[in-house]
């Protein structure tokens, strides 16, 4: 089983073709809606002491995909992400203890701390001589903390969209030469 201390120090970049930035929200209080952002870029500076490493990731909000064109259009609107005025979401780390990555998440010019539970899946060479590393991470946030408060009451009680959102990451990094 690989441990985070096995990760090679240096500069790593997010491999967007093998990375998924996703989220899960409750819909009608009874089911889950999952979505992803396809356009993500970022850099991880891995320090010899891995707890001194840094992460800086930017997501293009217009790349949201929930498998429903109407819902995606609504999410891009001023009711939610307002991508015309706030095209990106950014995460910049502030600390890492080897299992928990804490940083500042900025959405719509509002910055709040978020802590991800991180699982390191290992480092591996691909068939073309590149070095890759894999991670999974999760965090739970309240969308209202970023001013994402649009909702609709449901006749039977409750609301259309949960305030609690799970952020789910499956990340592949590419080691830079």
C-alpha atoms as a PDB file:
ATOM      1  CA  UNK A   1       0.000   0.000   0.000  1.00  0.00           C
ATOM      2  CA  UNK A   2       1.565   3.315  -1.040  1.00  0.00           C
ATOM      3  CA  UNK A   3       1.930   6.088   1.492  1.00  0.00           C
ATOM      4  CA  UNK A   4       1.952   9.808   0.798  1.00  0.00           C
ATOM      5  CA  UNK A   5       5.593  10.000   1.850  1.00  0.00           C
ATOM      6  CA  UNK A   6       6.402   7.878  -1.260  1.00  0.00           C
ATOM      7  CA  UNK A   7       5.342  10.754  -3.556  1.00  0.00           C
ATOM      8  CA  UNK A   8       8.310  12.143  -5.498  1.00  0.00           C
ATOM      9  CA  UNK A   9       9.070  15.802  -4.653  1.00  0.00           C
ATOM     10  CA  UNK A  10       8.828  18.374  -7.434  1.00  0.00           C
ATOM     11  CA  UNK A  11       6.276  20.066  -9.625  1.00  0.00           C
ATOM     12  CA  UNK A  12       3.218  18.106 -10.713  1.00  0.00           C
ATOM     13  CA  UNK A  13       0.330  19.299 -12.894  1.00  0.00           C
ATOM     14  CA  UNK A  14      -3.265  18.134 -13.009  1.00  0.00           C
ATOM     15  CA  UNK A  15      -3.913  15.793 -15.935  1.00  0.00           C
ATOM     16  CA  UNK A  16      -7.400  16.950 -16.984  1.00  0.00           C
ATOM     17  CA  UNK A  17      -8.003  13.924 -19.216  1.00  0.00           C
ATOM     18  CA  UNK A  18      -7.691  11.644 -16.182  1.00  0.00           C
ATOM     19  CA  UNK A  19      -9.120  13.889 -13.465  1.00  0.00           C
ATOM     20  CA  UNK A  20     -12.693  14.310 -12.312  1.00  0.00           C
ATOM     21  CA  UNK A  21     -13.860  17.237 -10.209  1.00  0.00           C
ATOM     22  CA  UNK A  22     -17.341  16.285  -9.130  1.00  0.00           C
ATOM     23  CA  UNK A  23     -20.128  17.183  -6.768  1.00  0.00           C
ATOM     24  CA  UNK A  24     -23.205  15.527  -5.305  1.00  0.00           C
ATOM     25  CA  UNK A  25     -26.359  17.345  -4.181  1.00  0.00           C
ATOM     26  CA  UNK A  26     -29.712  16.103  -2.953  1.00  0.00           C
ATOM     27  CA  UNK A  27     -32.627  16.736  -5.325  1.00  0.00           C
ATOM     28  CA  UNK A  28     -36.194  16.860  -3.980  1.00  0.00           C
ATOM     29  CA  UNK A  29     -34.660  15.650  -0.704  1.00  0.00           C
ATOM     30  CA  UNK A  30     -34.866  12.032  -1.924  1.00  0.00           C
ATOM     31  CA  UNK A  31     -32.298  11.484  -4.698  1.00  0.00           C
ATOM     32  CA  UNK A  32     -28.799  12.563  -5.572  1.00  0.00           C
ATOM     33  CA  UNK A  33     -27.728  14.626  -8.562  1.00  0.00           C
ATOM     34  CA  UNK A  34     -24.118  14.264  -9.602  1.00  0.00           C
ATOM     35  CA  UNK A  35     -22.158  16.687 -11.697  1.00  0.00           C
ATOM     36  CA  UNK A  36     -18.643  17.249 -12.916  1.00  0.00           C
ATOM     37  CA  UNK A  37     -16.467  20.055 -14.231  1.00  0.00           C
ATOM     38  CA  UNK A  38     -14.493  19.015 -17.318  1.00  0.00           C
ATOM     39  CA  UNK A  39     -12.137  22.000 -17.542  1.00  0.00           C
ATOM     40  CA  UNK A  40      -9.644  21.878 -14.669  1.00  0.00           C
ATOM     41  CA  UNK A  41      -6.004  22.897 -14.389  1.00  0.00           C
ATOM     42  CA  UNK A  42      -3.639  23.071 -11.492  1.00  0.00           C
ATOM     43  CA  UNK A  43      -0.206  22.666 -10.015  1.00  0.00           C
ATOM     44  CA  UNK A  44       0.969  20.722  -6.999  1.00  0.00           C
ATOM     45  CA  UNK A  45       4.389  21.538  -5.581  1.00  0.00           C
ATOM     46  CA  UNK A  46       5.447  18.455  -3.628  1.00  0.00           C
ATOM     47  CA  UNK A  47       8.016  19.309  -0.983  1.00  0.00           C
ATOM     48  CA  UNK A  48      10.575  16.843   0.424  1.00  0.00           C
ATOM     49  CA  UNK A  49       8.492  17.071   3.610  1.00  0.00           C
ATOM     50  CA  UNK A  50       5.140  16.293   1.976  1.00  0.00           C
ATOM     51  CA  UNK A  51       3.279  18.293   4.652  1.00  0.00           C
ATOM     52  CA  UNK A  52       4.912  21.433   3.231  1.00  0.00           C
ATOM     53  CA  UNK A  53       3.453  20.784  -0.249  1.00  0.00           C
ATOM     54  CA  UNK A  54       1.102  23.245  -1.948  1.00  0.00           C
ATOM     55  CA  UNK A  55      -1.883  22.932  -4.275  1.00  0.00           C
ATOM     56  CA  UNK A  56      -3.358  25.548  -6.634  1.00  0.00           C
ATOM     57  CA  UNK A  57      -6.273  24.447  -8.843  1.00  0.00           C
ATOM     58  CA  UNK A  58      -8.648  26.400 -11.089  1.00  0.00           C
ATOM     59  CA  UNK A  59     -11.920  25.093 -12.534  1.00  0.00           C
ATOM     60  CA  UNK A  60     -13.823  26.712 -15.395  1.00  0.00           C
ATOM     61  CA  UNK A  61     -17.404  26.886 -14.116  1.00  0.00           C
ATOM     62  CA  UNK A  62     -18.929  26.846 -17.612  1.00  0.00           C
ATOM     63  CA  UNK A  63     -17.658  23.266 -17.980  1.00  0.00           C
ATOM     64  CA  UNK A  64     -20.286  21.960 -15.535  1.00  0.00           C
ATOM     65  CA  UNK A  65     -22.034  18.785 -16.691  1.00  0.00           C
ATOM     66  CA  UNK A  66     -24.899  17.095 -14.840  1.00  0.00           C
ATOM     67  CA  UNK A  67     -26.154  15.140 -17.868  1.00  0.00           C
ATOM     68  CA  UNK A  68     -29.066  17.568 -18.225  1.00  0.00           C
ATOM     69  CA  UNK A  69     -28.658  20.537 -20.573  1.00  0.00           C
ATOM     70  CA  UNK A  70     -31.489  22.463 -18.885  1.00  0.00           C
ATOM     71  CA  UNK A  71     -30.023  21.934 -15.414  1.00  0.00           C
ATOM     72  CA  UNK A  72     -26.522  22.859 -16.637  1.00  0.00           C
ATOM     73  CA  UNK A  73     -27.888  26.081 -18.148  1.00  0.00           C
ATOM     74  CA  UNK A  74     -29.568  26.892 -14.823  1.00  0.00           C
ATOM     75  CA  UNK A  75     -26.367  26.175 -12.877  1.00  0.00           C
ATOM     76  CA  UNK A  76     -24.437  28.548 -15.173  1.00  0.00           C
ATOM     77  CA  UNK A  77     -27.017  31.314 -14.634  1.00  0.00           C
ATOM     78  CA  UNK A  78     -27.003  34.072 -12.014  1.00  0.00           C
ATOM     79  CA  UNK A  79     -29.192  31.811  -9.807  1.00  0.00           C
ATOM     80  CA  UNK A  80     -26.132  29.649  -9.137  1.00  0.00           C
ATOM     81  CA  UNK A  81     -22.596  30.040 -10.527  1.00  0.00           C
ATOM     82  CA  UNK A  82     -23.168  33.193 -12.636  1.00  0.00           C
ATOM     83  CA  UNK A  83     -20.400  32.107 -15.017  1.00  0.00           C
ATOM     84  CA  UNK A  84     -20.664  35.326 -17.034  1.00  0.00           C
ATOM     85  CA  UNK A  85     -19.378  37.320 -14.056  1.00  0.00           C
ATOM     86  CA  UNK A  86     -17.515  34.572 -12.157  1.00  0.00           C
ATOM     87  CA  UNK A  87     -16.030  32.175 -14.714  1.00  0.00           C
ATOM     88  CA  UNK A  88     -13.732  30.253 -12.352  1.00  0.00           C
ATOM     89  CA  UNK A  89     -13.598  28.458  -9.050  1.00  0.00           C
ATOM     90  CA  UNK A  90     -10.181  28.253  -7.370  1.00  0.00           C
ATOM     91  CA  UNK A  91      -8.703  26.211  -4.536  1.00  0.00           C
ATOM     92  CA  UNK A  92      -5.378  27.217  -2.930  1.00  0.00           C
ATOM     93  CA  UNK A  93      -4.048  25.037  -0.127  1.00  0.00           C
ATOM     94  CA  UNK A  94      -3.100  26.429   3.258  1.00  0.00           C
ATOM     95  CA  UNK A  95      -2.057  23.229   5.079  1.00  0.00           C
ATOM     96  CA  UNK A  96      -1.645  19.494   4.612  1.00  0.00           C
ATOM     97  CA  UNK A  97      -1.069  16.933   7.360  1.00  0.00           C
ATOM     98  CA  UNK A  98      -0.711  13.916   5.085  1.00  0.00           C
ATOM     99  CA  UNK A  99      -4.405  12.993   5.255  1.00  0.00           C
ATOM    100  CA  UNK A 100      -6.296  16.282   5.318  1.00  0.00           C
ATOM    101  CA  UNK A 101      -5.744  19.049   2.798  1.00  0.00           C
ATOM    102  CA  UNK A 102      -7.108  22.411   3.900  1.00  0.00           C
ATOM    103  CA  UNK A 103      -7.303  25.449   1.702  1.00  0.00           C
ATOM    104  CA  UNK A 104      -9.256  28.430   0.496  1.00  0.00           C
ATOM    105  CA  UNK A 105     -12.046  27.701  -1.980  1.00  0.00           C
ATOM    106  CA  UNK A 106     -13.195  30.732  -3.955  1.00  0.00           C
ATOM    107  CA  UNK A 107     -16.548  30.721  -5.749  1.00  0.00           C
ATOM    108  CA  UNK A 108     -18.183  33.958  -6.971  1.00  0.00           C
ATOM    109  CA  UNK A 109     -15.467  36.028  -5.254  1.00  0.00           C
ATOM    110  CA  UNK A 110     -16.313  34.480  -1.872  1.00  0.00           C
ATOM    111  CA  UNK A 111     -13.436  32.621  -0.208  1.00  0.00           C
ATOM    112  CA  UNK A 112     -14.031  30.069   2.551  1.00  0.00           C
ATOM    113  CA  UNK A 113     -11.826  27.348   4.064  1.00  0.00           C
ATOM    114  CA  UNK A 114     -12.478  23.756   3.022  1.00  0.00           C
ATOM    115  CA  UNK A 115     -10.826  20.572   4.268  1.00  0.00           C
ATOM    116  CA  UNK A 116     -10.558  17.515   2.025  1.00  0.00           C
ATOM    117  CA  UNK A 117      -9.969  13.998   3.297  1.00  0.00           C
ATOM    118  CA  UNK A 118      -7.234  12.756   0.933  1.00  0.00           C
ATOM    119  CA  UNK A 119      -6.332   9.233  -0.121  1.00  0.00           C
ATOM    120  CA  UNK A 120      -3.070   8.711  -2.021  1.00  0.00           C
ATOM    121  CA  UNK A 121      -3.414   5.874  -4.558  1.00  0.00           C
ATOM    122  CA  UNK A 122       0.221   5.689  -5.602  1.00  0.00           C
ATOM    123  CA  UNK A 123       2.742   6.801  -8.189  1.00  0.00           C
ATOM    124  CA  UNK A 124       3.299   4.961 -11.476  1.00  0.00           C
ATOM    125  CA  UNK A 125       5.122   5.316 -14.803  1.00  0.00           C
ATOM    126  CA  UNK A 126       2.887   5.191 -17.870  1.00  0.00           C
ATOM    127  CA  UNK A 127       3.886   3.391 -21.113  1.00  0.00           C
ATOM    128  CA  UNK A 128       5.248   6.666 -22.571  1.00  0.00           C
ATOM    129  CA  UNK A 129       7.731   7.346 -19.794  1.00  0.00           C
ATOM    130  CA  UNK A 130       5.634   9.858 -17.854  1.00  0.00           C
ATOM    131  CA  UNK A 131       5.293   9.650 -14.086  1.00  0.00           C
ATOM    132  CA  UNK A 132       1.743   9.870 -12.779  1.00  0.00           C
ATOM    133  CA  UNK A 133       0.254   9.943  -9.286  1.00  0.00           C
ATOM    134  CA  UNK A 134      -3.339   9.361  -8.231  1.00  0.00           C
ATOM    135  CA  UNK A 135      -5.454  10.764  -5.427  1.00  0.00           C
ATOM    136  CA  UNK A 136      -9.040  10.692  -4.258  1.00  0.00           C
ATOM    137  CA  UNK A 137     -10.461  13.355  -1.978  1.00  0.00           C
ATOM    138  CA  UNK A 138     -13.798  14.387  -0.508  1.00  0.00           C
ATOM    139  CA  UNK A 139     -15.164  17.365   1.367  1.00  0.00           C
ATOM    140  CA  UNK A 140     -18.598  18.475   2.428  1.00  0.00           C
ATOM    141  CA  UNK A 141     -19.634  22.119   2.141  1.00  0.00           C
ATOM    142  CA  UNK A 142     -22.719  24.280   2.456  1.00  0.00           C
ATOM    143  CA  UNK A 143     -23.371  26.056  -0.818  1.00  0.00           C
ATOM    144  CA  UNK A 144     -24.976  28.987   0.996  1.00  0.00           C
ATOM    145  CA  UNK A 145     -21.524  29.839   2.389  1.00  0.00           C
ATOM    146  CA  UNK A 146     -20.641  31.010  -1.147  1.00  0.00           C
ATOM    147  CA  UNK A 147     -23.920  32.805  -1.763  1.00  0.00           C
ATOM    148  CA  UNK A 148     -25.386  29.905  -3.761  1.00  0.00           C
ATOM    149  CA  UNK A 149     -28.805  30.179  -2.152  1.00  0.00           C
ATOM    150  CA  UNK A 150     -31.335  29.737  -4.968  1.00  0.00           C
ATOM    151  CA  UNK A 151     -33.953  27.145  -4.085  1.00  0.00           C
ATOM    152  CA  UNK A 152     -37.620  26.247  -4.384  1.00  0.00           C
ATOM    153  CA  UNK A 153     -39.919  24.880  -1.702  1.00  0.00           C
ATOM    154  CA  UNK A 154     -41.460  21.473  -2.314  1.00  0.00           C
ATOM    155  CA  UNK A 155     -45.187  20.992  -1.746  1.00  0.00           C
ATOM    156  CA  UNK A 156     -44.628  18.006   0.575  1.00  0.00           C
ATOM    157  CA  UNK A 157     -42.024  19.886   2.613  1.00  0.00           C
ATOM    158  CA  UNK A 158     -38.354  20.511   2.132  1.00  0.00           C
ATOM    159  CA  UNK A 159     -36.570  22.128  -0.791  1.00  0.00           C
ATOM    160  CA  UNK A 160     -35.597  21.285  -4.345  1.00  0.00           C
ATOM    161  CA  UNK A 161     -31.798  21.428  -3.836  1.00  0.00           C
ATOM    162  CA  UNK A 162     -29.879  20.561  -0.666  1.00  0.00           C
ATOM    163  CA  UNK A 163     -27.609  23.153   0.920  1.00  0.00           C
ATOM    164  CA  UNK A 164     -25.133  20.388   1.785  1.00  0.00           C
ATOM    165  CA  UNK A 165     -22.909  19.512  -1.186  1.00  0.00           C
ATOM    166  CA  UNK A 166     -20.273  16.803  -1.340  1.00  0.00           C
ATOM    167  CA  UNK A 167     -17.208  17.615  -3.440  1.00  0.00           C
ATOM    168  CA  UNK A 168     -15.653  14.448  -4.853  1.00  0.00           C
ATOM    169  CA  UNK A 169     -12.245  14.455  -6.537  1.00  0.00           C
ATOM    170  CA  UNK A 170     -10.450  11.755  -8.501  1.00  0.00           C
ATOM    171  CA  UNK A 171      -7.157  13.335  -9.541  1.00  0.00           C
ATOM    172  CA  UNK A 172      -4.250  12.198 -11.674  1.00  0.00           C
ATOM    173  CA  UNK A 173      -1.102  14.309 -11.556  1.00  0.00           C
ATOM    174  CA  UNK A 174       1.689  14.426 -14.132  1.00  0.00           C
ATOM    175  CA  UNK A 175       5.261  14.896 -12.874  1.00  0.00           C
ATOM    176  CA  UNK A 176       7.019  17.749 -14.659  1.00  0.00           C
ATOM    177  CA  UNK A 177      10.604  17.246 -15.859  1.00  0.00           C
END
